[in-house]
Amino acid sequence: MALRKLYIFVEGTDDALFFSKVFLHRFKKIYDDVEIIQYAQMKKSKVDLFILSINTLNFDYIMLADMDEVETVSEKKRIIKHKFELVDIEKILIVIKEIESWYLAGMTDEFARSLGLEPYAATNTVSKEDFNLYYIRTYRSRIDFMQEVLRHFSVEVACVKNRSFEYFYKKFFLNK
């Protein structure tokens, strides 16, 4: 039987931390091996070679990108496809708005209140700047806050509070 391997291309360290804590163990139930690759600081040619070798070996991959200030998911996918010509547009998944919105999506209202924070009803419009203003009230360290959120992360709550998280979760983990 052939090795089932998945590469998850994420933009940076915050994304890598999130995926390693929330999704890695779930993907390991589906794949023999899973590797998270931070591509934002890599040269375009290196990413293209990575994708070429993954395709040649018939492995799976996902490329994630933050929506940022782009108007539509389709437009963001076109931007990524233009930058990395070998990427299959169907393998590109967009985080709305930024990965920080997914962190906050998984916070239960009770946990947010226990930190003295006002809970978010929805996080679809949360930016990195919003996130930074949010945690600074209770934590001095961004990474400490992120790790604490991930320790108490609720997938069920995240599916309710963020539509791109819900889409991602349903696409890869429901009915598998």
N, C-alpha and C. Protein backbone atom coordinates (compact mmCIF):
# COMPACT_ATOMS: atom_id res chain seq x y z
N MET A 1 0.84 -1.18 0.00
CA MET A 1 0.00 0.00 0.00
C MET A 1 0.88 1.24 0.00
N ALA A 2 0.51 2.23 -0.78
CA ALA A 2 1.29 3.45 -0.92
C ALA A 2 1.19 4.32 0.33
N LEU A 3 2.26 5.02 0.61
CA LEU A 3 2.31 5.95 1.73
C LEU A 3 1.36 7.11 1.47
N ARG A 4 0.51 7.40 2.43
CA ARG A 4 -0.40 8.55 2.33
C ARG A 4 0.22 9.68 3.13
N LYS A 5 0.67 10.70 2.39
CA LYS A 5 1.36 11.82 3.02
C LYS A 5 0.66 13.12 2.66
N LEU A 6 0.58 14.01 3.65
CA LEU A 6 -0.04 15.31 3.46
C LEU A 6 0.95 16.40 3.84
N TYR A 7 1.06 17.39 2.97
CA TYR A 7 1.82 18.60 3.27
C TYR A 7 0.82 19.73 3.46
N ILE A 8 1.00 20.45 4.56
CA ILE A 8 0.14 21.60 4.82
C ILE A 8 1.01 22.84 4.74
N PHE A 9 0.79 23.64 3.71
CA PHE A 9 1.53 24.89 3.53
C PHE A 9 0.80 25.99 4.28
N VAL A 10 1.48 26.58 5.26
CA VAL A 10 0.92 27.69 6.03
C VAL A 10 1.84 28.89 5.88
N GLU A 11 1.29 30.07 6.12
CA GLU A 11 2.08 31.28 5.90
C GLU A 11 3.22 31.45 6.90
N GLY A 12 2.94 31.31 8.18
CA GLY A 12 3.99 31.60 9.16
C GLY A 12 3.86 30.82 10.45
N THR A 13 4.55 31.29 11.49
CA THR A 13 4.65 30.56 12.75
C THR A 13 3.32 30.48 13.50
N ASP A 14 2.51 31.54 13.46
CA ASP A 14 1.21 31.49 14.14
C ASP A 14 0.31 30.43 13.51
N ASP A 15 0.36 30.33 12.20
CA ASP A 15 -0.42 29.32 11.48
C ASP A 15 0.09 27.92 11.80
N ALA A 16 1.41 27.77 11.81
CA ALA A 16 2.01 26.47 12.10
C ALA A 16 1.65 26.00 13.51
N LEU A 17 1.71 26.91 14.48
CA LEU A 17 1.33 26.56 15.84
C LEU A 17 -0.13 26.12 15.90
N PHE A 18 -0.99 26.89 15.26
CA PHE A 18 -2.42 26.57 15.25
C PHE A 18 -2.67 25.18 14.66
N PHE A 19 -2.10 24.92 13.48
CA PHE A 19 -2.34 23.64 12.81
C PHE A 19 -1.73 22.47 13.57
N SER A 20 -0.57 22.69 14.19
CA SER A 20 0.04 21.59 14.93
C SER A 20 -0.78 21.22 16.17
N LYS A 21 -1.44 22.20 16.79
CA LYS A 21 -2.21 21.93 18.01
C LYS A 21 -3.66 21.52 17.73
N VAL A 22 -4.28 22.07 16.69
CA VAL A 22 -5.71 21.83 16.45
C VAL A 22 -5.96 20.72 15.43
N PHE A 23 -5.15 20.63 14.40
CA PHE A 23 -5.47 19.71 13.31
C PHE A 23 -4.50 18.56 13.10
N LEU A 24 -3.27 18.67 13.55
CA LEU A 24 -2.27 17.65 13.24
C LEU A 24 -2.71 16.25 13.67
N HIS A 25 -3.17 16.10 14.89
CA HIS A 25 -3.59 14.77 15.35
C HIS A 25 -4.80 14.26 14.57
N ARG A 26 -5.64 15.16 14.11
CA ARG A 26 -6.80 14.74 13.30
C ARG A 26 -6.36 14.25 11.92
N PHE A 27 -5.43 14.99 11.31
CA PHE A 27 -4.92 14.57 10.00
C PHE A 27 -4.15 13.26 10.09
N LYS A 28 -3.49 13.01 11.22
CA LYS A 28 -2.71 11.78 11.37
C LYS A 28 -3.59 10.55 11.46
N LYS A 29 -4.89 10.73 11.66
CA LYS A 29 -5.83 9.61 11.61
C LYS A 29 -6.17 9.25 10.17
N ILE A 30 -5.92 10.19 9.25
CA ILE A 30 -6.24 10.01 7.84
C ILE A 30 -5.00 9.67 7.01
N TYR A 31 -3.87 10.27 7.39
CA TYR A 31 -2.62 10.14 6.64
C TYR A 31 -1.56 9.42 7.47
N ASP A 32 -0.63 8.74 6.78
CA ASP A 32 0.49 8.10 7.45
C ASP A 32 1.48 9.12 7.99
N ASP A 33 1.63 10.22 7.26
CA ASP A 33 2.58 11.25 7.64
C ASP A 33 2.02 12.61 7.25
N VAL A 34 2.25 13.60 8.10
CA VAL A 34 1.78 14.97 7.85
C VAL A 34 2.92 15.92 8.16
N GLU A 35 3.16 16.85 7.25
CA GLU A 35 4.22 17.84 7.46
C GLU A 35 3.65 19.24 7.25
N ILE A 36 3.97 20.13 8.17
CA ILE A 36 3.54 21.52 8.07
C ILE A 36 4.73 22.33 7.58
N ILE A 37 4.51 23.09 6.52
CA ILE A 37 5.58 23.89 5.90
C ILE A 37 5.19 25.36 5.92
N GLN A 38 6.06 26.19 6.46
CA GLN A 38 5.84 27.63 6.46
C GLN A 38 6.42 28.20 5.17
N TYR A 39 5.55 28.68 4.29
CA TYR A 39 6.02 29.08 2.97
C TYR A 39 6.21 30.59 2.76
N ALA A 40 5.70 31.41 3.63
CA ALA A 40 5.71 32.86 3.39
C ALA A 40 7.12 33.43 3.21
N GLN A 41 8.09 32.89 3.93
CA GLN A 41 9.46 33.40 3.83
C GLN A 41 10.32 32.63 2.83
N MET A 42 9.73 31.64 2.19
CA MET A 42 10.48 30.83 1.22
C MET A 42 10.48 31.52 -0.14
N LYS A 43 11.51 31.25 -0.91
CA LYS A 43 11.55 31.76 -2.28
C LYS A 43 10.48 31.05 -3.10
N LYS A 44 9.90 31.78 -4.03
CA LYS A 44 8.86 31.25 -4.90
C LYS A 44 9.33 29.96 -5.59
N SER A 45 10.56 29.96 -6.07
CA SER A 45 11.09 28.80 -6.78
C SER A 45 11.15 27.57 -5.88
N LYS A 46 11.45 27.75 -4.61
CA LYS A 46 11.50 26.63 -3.68
C LYS A 46 10.11 26.05 -3.44
N VAL A 47 9.12 26.92 -3.30
CA VAL A 47 7.74 26.46 -3.11
C VAL A 47 7.28 25.71 -4.36
N ASP A 48 7.58 26.26 -5.54
CA ASP A 48 7.21 25.59 -6.79
C ASP A 48 7.85 24.20 -6.91
N LEU A 49 9.11 24.09 -6.52
CA LEU A 49 9.79 22.78 -6.56
C LEU A 49 9.17 21.81 -5.56
N PHE A 50 8.80 22.32 -4.42
CA PHE A 50 8.12 21.49 -3.42
C PHE A 50 6.83 20.92 -4.01
N ILE A 51 6.03 21.79 -4.60
CA ILE A 51 4.75 21.36 -5.17
C ILE A 51 4.97 20.37 -6.32
N LEU A 52 5.96 20.63 -7.14
CA LEU A 52 6.28 19.71 -8.23
C LEU A 52 6.65 18.32 -7.69
N SER A 53 7.47 18.28 -6.66
CA SER A 53 7.86 16.97 -6.11
C SER A 53 6.68 16.28 -5.43
N ILE A 54 5.83 17.03 -4.75
CA ILE A 54 4.64 16.46 -4.11
C ILE A 54 3.73 15.85 -5.18
N ASN A 55 3.52 16.59 -6.26
CA ASN A 55 2.69 16.08 -7.35
C ASN A 55 3.31 14.83 -7.98
N THR A 56 4.62 14.85 -8.18
CA THR A 56 5.32 13.72 -8.79
C THR A 56 5.18 12.46 -7.93
N LEU A 57 5.27 12.64 -6.62
CA LEU A 57 5.16 11.50 -5.70
C LEU A 57 3.71 11.12 -5.38
N ASN A 58 2.78 11.87 -5.95
CA ASN A 58 1.35 11.62 -5.76
C ASN A 58 0.92 11.72 -4.29
N PHE A 59 1.50 12.70 -3.58
CA PHE A 59 1.09 13.00 -2.22
C PHE A 59 0.04 14.11 -2.25
N ASP A 60 -0.58 14.35 -1.12
CA ASP A 60 -1.59 15.41 -1.01
C ASP A 60 -0.97 16.66 -0.39
N TYR A 61 -1.59 17.79 -0.68
CA TYR A 61 -1.18 19.03 -0.03
C TYR A 61 -2.36 19.99 0.04
N ILE A 62 -2.22 20.92 0.96
CA ILE A 62 -3.16 22.02 1.13
C ILE A 62 -2.32 23.28 1.26
N MET A 63 -2.73 24.35 0.63
CA MET A 63 -2.05 25.63 0.80
C MET A 63 -3.04 26.60 1.41
N LEU A 64 -2.70 27.10 2.58
CA LEU A 64 -3.55 28.06 3.27
C LEU A 64 -3.01 29.47 3.11
N ALA A 65 -3.93 30.41 3.04
CA ALA A 65 -3.55 31.82 2.96
C ALA A 65 -4.62 32.63 3.68
N ASP A 66 -4.18 33.67 4.34
CA ASP A 66 -5.12 34.60 4.98
C ASP A 66 -5.80 35.44 3.92
N MET A 67 -7.05 35.77 4.16
CA MET A 67 -7.81 36.62 3.26
C MET A 67 -7.22 38.02 3.23
N ASP A 68 -6.75 38.48 4.39
CA ASP A 68 -6.21 39.83 4.53
C ASP A 68 -7.23 40.85 4.04
N GLU A 69 -6.81 41.77 3.20
CA GLU A 69 -7.70 42.84 2.75
C GLU A 69 -8.31 42.60 1.37
N VAL A 70 -8.13 41.41 0.83
CA VAL A 70 -8.69 41.06 -0.47
C VAL A 70 -10.21 40.90 -0.33
N GLU A 71 -10.94 41.30 -1.35
CA GLU A 71 -12.41 41.34 -1.29
C GLU A 71 -13.09 39.98 -1.30
N THR A 72 -12.61 39.05 -2.14
CA THR A 72 -13.29 37.76 -2.27
C THR A 72 -12.31 36.60 -2.17
N VAL A 73 -12.83 35.44 -1.82
CA VAL A 73 -12.03 34.22 -1.75
C VAL A 73 -11.48 33.89 -3.14
N SER A 74 -12.30 34.03 -4.17
CA SER A 74 -11.86 33.74 -5.53
C SER A 74 -10.69 34.62 -5.95
N GLU A 75 -10.78 35.88 -5.60
CA GLU A 75 -9.70 36.81 -5.93
C GLU A 75 -8.41 36.42 -5.20
N LYS A 76 -8.52 36.07 -3.92
CA LYS A 76 -7.33 35.67 -3.15
C LYS A 76 -6.72 34.41 -3.73
N LYS A 77 -7.56 33.45 -4.12
CA LYS A 77 -7.06 32.23 -4.73
C LYS A 77 -6.32 32.54 -6.04
N ARG A 78 -6.85 33.46 -6.82
CA ARG A 78 -6.18 33.85 -8.08
C ARG A 78 -4.81 34.48 -7.80
N ILE A 79 -4.72 35.27 -6.74
CA ILE A 79 -3.44 35.90 -6.37
C ILE A 79 -2.42 34.82 -6.00
N ILE A 80 -2.84 33.85 -5.22
CA ILE A 80 -1.94 32.76 -4.81
C ILE A 80 -1.54 31.93 -6.04
N LYS A 81 -2.50 31.63 -6.89
CA LYS A 81 -2.23 30.84 -8.10
C LYS A 81 -1.27 31.58 -9.03
N HIS A 82 -1.41 32.88 -9.10
CA HIS A 82 -0.51 33.69 -9.94
C HIS A 82 0.92 33.64 -9.38
N LYS A 83 1.04 33.67 -8.08
CA LYS A 83 2.36 33.64 -7.44
C LYS A 83 3.00 32.26 -7.55
N PHE A 84 2.22 31.21 -7.29
CA PHE A 84 2.72 29.84 -7.33
C PHE A 84 1.98 29.10 -8.44
N GLU A 85 2.52 29.13 -9.62
CA GLU A 85 1.83 28.64 -10.81
C GLU A 85 1.49 27.15 -10.75
N LEU A 86 2.28 26.36 -10.04
CA LEU A 86 2.06 24.92 -10.00
C LEU A 86 0.99 24.48 -9.01
N VAL A 87 0.56 25.39 -8.15
CA VAL A 87 -0.43 25.02 -7.15
C VAL A 87 -1.79 24.82 -7.81
N ASP A 88 -2.46 23.77 -7.41
CA ASP A 88 -3.81 23.49 -7.89
C ASP A 88 -4.75 24.42 -7.12
N ILE A 89 -5.53 25.21 -7.83
CA ILE A 89 -6.41 26.19 -7.19
C ILE A 89 -7.39 25.52 -6.22
N GLU A 90 -7.72 24.26 -6.47
CA GLU A 90 -8.61 23.52 -5.57
C GLU A 90 -7.94 23.15 -4.25
N LYS A 91 -6.62 23.23 -4.21
CA LYS A 91 -5.86 22.90 -2.99
C LYS A 91 -5.62 24.14 -2.12
N ILE A 92 -6.03 25.30 -2.61
CA ILE A 92 -5.86 26.55 -1.86
C ILE A 92 -7.09 26.76 -0.97
N LEU A 93 -6.85 26.99 0.30
CA LEU A 93 -7.93 27.27 1.25
C LEU A 93 -7.64 28.61 1.92
N ILE A 94 -8.67 29.41 2.04
CA ILE A 94 -8.51 30.77 2.55
C ILE A 94 -9.06 30.88 3.97
N VAL A 95 -8.25 31.46 4.84
CA VAL A 95 -8.63 31.74 6.21
C VAL A 95 -9.23 33.15 6.26
N ILE A 96 -10.47 33.24 6.71
CA ILE A 96 -11.14 34.55 6.77
C ILE A 96 -11.15 35.00 8.22
N LYS A 97 -10.61 36.04 8.50
CA LYS A 97 -9.87 37.04 7.76
C LYS A 97 -8.38 36.73 7.85
N GLU A 98 -7.95 36.37 9.05
CA GLU A 98 -6.57 35.96 9.28
C GLU A 98 -6.58 34.84 10.32
N ILE A 99 -5.45 34.12 10.45
CA ILE A 99 -5.41 32.96 11.35
C ILE A 99 -5.79 33.35 12.78
N GLU A 100 -5.53 34.56 13.17
CA GLU A 100 -5.90 35.01 14.51
C GLU A 100 -7.40 34.90 14.75
N SER A 101 -8.19 35.05 13.68
CA SER A 101 -9.64 34.91 13.81
C SER A 101 -10.01 33.48 14.17
N TRP A 102 -9.23 32.50 13.71
CA TRP A 102 -9.49 31.11 14.05
C TRP A 102 -9.13 30.83 15.51
N TYR A 103 -8.05 31.42 15.98
CA TYR A 103 -7.70 31.27 17.40
C TYR A 103 -8.87 31.71 18.27
N LEU A 104 -9.37 32.92 18.02
CA LEU A 104 -10.44 33.48 18.85
C LEU A 104 -11.76 32.75 18.65
N ALA A 105 -11.95 32.18 17.48
CA ALA A 105 -13.20 31.44 17.22
C ALA A 105 -13.36 30.27 18.18
N GLY A 106 -12.28 29.65 18.56
CA GLY A 106 -12.34 28.48 19.42
C GLY A 106 -12.44 28.76 20.91
N MET A 107 -12.48 30.04 21.26
CA MET A 107 -12.62 30.41 22.67
C MET A 107 -14.09 30.36 23.07
N THR A 108 -14.39 29.57 24.09
CA THR A 108 -15.75 29.57 24.60
C THR A 108 -16.00 30.92 25.30
N ASP A 109 -17.24 31.28 25.39
CA ASP A 109 -17.58 32.53 26.08
C ASP A 109 -17.12 32.49 27.53
N GLU A 110 -17.26 31.33 28.15
CA GLU A 110 -16.86 31.18 29.56
C GLU A 110 -15.35 31.39 29.73
N PHE A 111 -14.57 30.81 28.82
CA PHE A 111 -13.13 30.97 28.91
C PHE A 111 -12.73 32.42 28.70
N ALA A 112 -13.32 33.08 27.71
CA ALA A 112 -13.01 34.50 27.48
C ALA A 112 -13.32 35.33 28.72
N ARG A 113 -14.48 35.09 29.32
CA ARG A 113 -14.86 35.84 30.53
C ARG A 113 -13.92 35.53 31.70
N SER A 114 -13.43 34.30 31.78
CA SER A 114 -12.51 33.94 32.87
C SER A 114 -11.20 34.72 32.76
N LEU A 115 -10.90 35.18 31.54
CA LEU A 115 -9.70 36.00 31.33
C LEU A 115 -10.01 37.50 31.44
N GLY A 116 -11.28 37.81 31.72
CA GLY A 116 -11.69 39.20 31.81
C GLY A 116 -11.90 39.85 30.45
N LEU A 117 -12.16 39.02 29.44
CA LEU A 117 -12.36 39.51 28.07
C LEU A 117 -13.82 39.35 27.65
N GLU A 118 -14.27 40.24 26.82
CA GLU A 118 -15.61 40.16 26.26
C GLU A 118 -15.59 39.12 25.13
N PRO A 119 -16.45 38.11 25.19
CA PRO A 119 -16.44 37.07 24.15
C PRO A 119 -16.87 37.63 22.79
N TYR A 120 -16.33 37.03 21.75
CA TYR A 120 -16.76 37.33 20.38
C TYR A 120 -17.93 36.43 20.02
N ALA A 121 -18.95 36.99 19.40
CA ALA A 121 -20.05 36.17 18.88
C ALA A 121 -19.64 35.52 17.56
N ALA A 122 -18.85 36.26 16.78
CA ALA A 122 -18.33 35.76 15.49
C ALA A 122 -16.97 36.41 15.27
N THR A 123 -16.09 35.68 14.59
CA THR A 123 -14.72 36.19 14.39
C THR A 123 -14.35 36.37 12.92
N ASN A 124 -15.32 36.35 12.04
CA ASN A 124 -15.05 36.43 10.60
C ASN A 124 -14.31 37.69 10.18
N THR A 125 -14.43 38.76 10.95
CA THR A 125 -13.81 40.03 10.56
C THR A 125 -12.60 40.38 11.43
N VAL A 126 -12.17 39.47 12.29
CA VAL A 126 -11.06 39.75 13.20
C VAL A 126 -9.74 39.76 12.42
N SER A 127 -8.99 40.85 12.60
CA SER A 127 -7.67 40.98 11.97
C SER A 127 -6.59 40.75 13.01
N LYS A 128 -5.36 40.69 12.55
CA LYS A 128 -4.21 40.56 13.43
C LYS A 128 -4.19 41.71 14.44
N GLU A 129 -4.50 42.91 13.97
CA GLU A 129 -4.50 44.09 14.84
C GLU A 129 -5.59 43.98 15.91
N ASP A 130 -6.78 43.51 15.53
CA ASP A 130 -7.86 43.29 16.49
C ASP A 130 -7.43 42.29 17.55
N PHE A 131 -6.81 41.22 17.10
CA PHE A 131 -6.33 40.17 17.99
C PHE A 131 -5.34 40.75 19.00
N ASN A 132 -4.39 41.53 18.52
CA ASN A 132 -3.38 42.10 19.39
C ASN A 132 -3.98 43.04 20.43
N LEU A 133 -4.98 43.81 20.06
CA LEU A 133 -5.65 44.68 21.01
C LEU A 133 -6.46 43.88 22.03
N TYR A 134 -6.95 42.74 21.61
CA TYR A 134 -7.79 41.90 22.46
C TYR A 134 -6.97 41.25 23.58
N TYR A 135 -5.88 40.61 23.24
CA TYR A 135 -5.14 39.84 24.25
C TYR A 135 -4.31 40.72 25.18
N ILE A 136 -3.92 41.89 24.73
CA ILE A 136 -3.00 42.73 25.50
C ILE A 136 -3.58 43.14 26.86
N ARG A 137 -4.90 43.08 26.98
CA ARG A 137 -5.54 43.44 28.25
C ARG A 137 -5.23 42.43 29.36
N THR A 138 -4.96 41.19 29.00
CA THR A 138 -4.77 40.16 30.02
C THR A 138 -3.42 39.46 29.96
N TYR A 139 -2.75 39.51 28.82
CA TYR A 139 -1.46 38.82 28.65
C TYR A 139 -0.43 39.80 28.11
N ARG A 140 0.78 39.67 28.60
CA ARG A 140 1.88 40.50 28.08
C ARG A 140 2.49 39.84 26.85
N SER A 141 2.41 38.53 26.80
CA SER A 141 3.03 37.79 25.71
C SER A 141 1.98 37.25 24.75
N ARG A 142 2.15 37.57 23.49
CA ARG A 142 1.24 37.10 22.43
C ARG A 142 1.26 35.57 22.36
N ILE A 143 2.46 35.00 22.38
CA ILE A 143 2.59 33.55 22.24
C ILE A 143 2.00 32.82 23.46
N ASP A 144 2.17 33.38 24.65
CA ASP A 144 1.56 32.77 25.83
C ASP A 144 0.04 32.76 25.70
N PHE A 145 -0.51 33.87 25.21
CA PHE A 145 -1.95 33.95 25.02
C PHE A 145 -2.42 32.91 24.00
N MET A 146 -1.71 32.81 22.88
CA MET A 146 -2.08 31.85 21.84
C MET A 146 -2.04 30.42 22.38
N GLN A 147 -1.01 30.10 23.12
CA GLN A 147 -0.90 28.74 23.66
C GLN A 147 -2.01 28.46 24.67
N GLU A 148 -2.37 29.45 25.47
CA GLU A 148 -3.46 29.28 26.43
C GLU A 148 -4.79 29.06 25.71
N VAL A 149 -5.02 29.84 24.66
CA VAL A 149 -6.24 29.68 23.87
C VAL A 149 -6.29 28.27 23.27
N LEU A 150 -5.17 27.80 22.74
CA LEU A 150 -5.14 26.47 22.12
C LEU A 150 -5.34 25.36 23.15
N ARG A 151 -4.91 25.57 24.38
CA ARG A 151 -5.13 24.57 25.44
C ARG A 151 -6.62 24.41 25.74
N HIS A 152 -7.39 25.47 25.53
CA HIS A 152 -8.83 25.44 25.81
C HIS A 152 -9.68 25.49 24.54
N PHE A 153 -9.08 25.23 23.40
CA PHE A 153 -9.74 25.41 22.11
C PHE A 153 -10.90 24.44 21.93
N SER A 154 -12.02 24.96 21.44
CA SER A 154 -13.20 24.14 21.15
C SER A 154 -13.49 24.19 19.65
N VAL A 155 -13.34 23.06 19.01
CA VAL A 155 -13.66 22.96 17.57
C VAL A 155 -15.13 23.27 17.33
N GLU A 156 -15.98 22.77 18.20
CA GLU A 156 -17.42 22.99 18.03
C GLU A 156 -17.76 24.47 18.07
N VAL A 157 -17.18 25.19 19.03
CA VAL A 157 -17.43 26.63 19.14
C VAL A 157 -16.84 27.36 17.94
N ALA A 158 -15.64 26.96 17.51
CA ALA A 158 -15.00 27.59 16.35
C ALA A 158 -15.85 27.45 15.09
N CYS A 159 -16.50 26.30 14.93
CA CYS A 159 -17.37 26.08 13.76
C CYS A 159 -18.56 27.04 13.76
N VAL A 160 -19.00 27.43 14.93
CA VAL A 160 -20.12 28.37 15.03
C VAL A 160 -19.67 29.81 14.82
N LYS A 161 -18.47 30.13 15.30
CA LYS A 161 -18.02 31.53 15.32
C LYS A 161 -17.25 31.97 14.08
N ASN A 162 -16.81 31.03 13.24
CA ASN A 162 -16.04 31.44 12.06
C ASN A 162 -16.38 30.54 10.88
N ARG A 163 -16.89 31.15 9.82
CA ARG A 163 -17.37 30.35 8.68
C ARG A 163 -16.24 29.68 7.90
N SER A 164 -15.06 30.29 7.80
CA SER A 164 -13.99 29.62 7.06
C SER A 164 -13.41 28.46 7.87
N PHE A 165 -13.39 28.59 9.20
CA PHE A 165 -12.98 27.47 10.04
C PHE A 165 -13.97 26.32 9.86
N GLU A 166 -15.25 26.63 9.93
CA GLU A 166 -16.28 25.61 9.76
C GLU A 166 -16.14 24.91 8.41
N TYR A 167 -15.93 25.68 7.35
CA TYR A 167 -15.76 25.11 6.01
C TYR A 167 -14.56 24.15 6.00
N PHE A 168 -13.43 24.60 6.55
CA PHE A 168 -12.23 23.78 6.57
C PHE A 168 -12.47 22.49 7.36
N TYR A 169 -13.03 22.62 8.52
CA TYR A 169 -13.26 21.46 9.39
C TYR A 169 -14.20 20.45 8.71
N LYS A 170 -15.30 20.93 8.17
CA LYS A 170 -16.24 20.02 7.51
C LYS A 170 -15.63 19.36 6.29
N LYS A 171 -14.86 20.11 5.54
CA LYS A 171 -14.25 19.59 4.31
C LYS A 171 -13.30 18.43 4.60
N PHE A 172 -12.55 18.53 5.68
CA PHE A 172 -11.52 17.53 5.94
C PHE A 172 -11.83 16.48 7.00
N PHE A 173 -12.76 16.77 7.90
CA PHE A 173 -12.92 15.85 9.02
C PHE A 173 -14.30 15.27 9.23
N LEU A 174 -15.31 15.86 8.68
CA LEU A 174 -16.63 15.25 8.83
C LEU A 174 -16.84 14.21 7.75
N ASN A 175 -17.44 13.11 8.12
CA ASN A 175 -17.72 12.00 7.20
C ASN A 175 -16.47 11.36 6.64
N LYS A 176 -15.37 11.41 7.39
CA LYS A 176 -14.13 10.76 6.92
C LYS A 176 -13.92 9.48 7.68
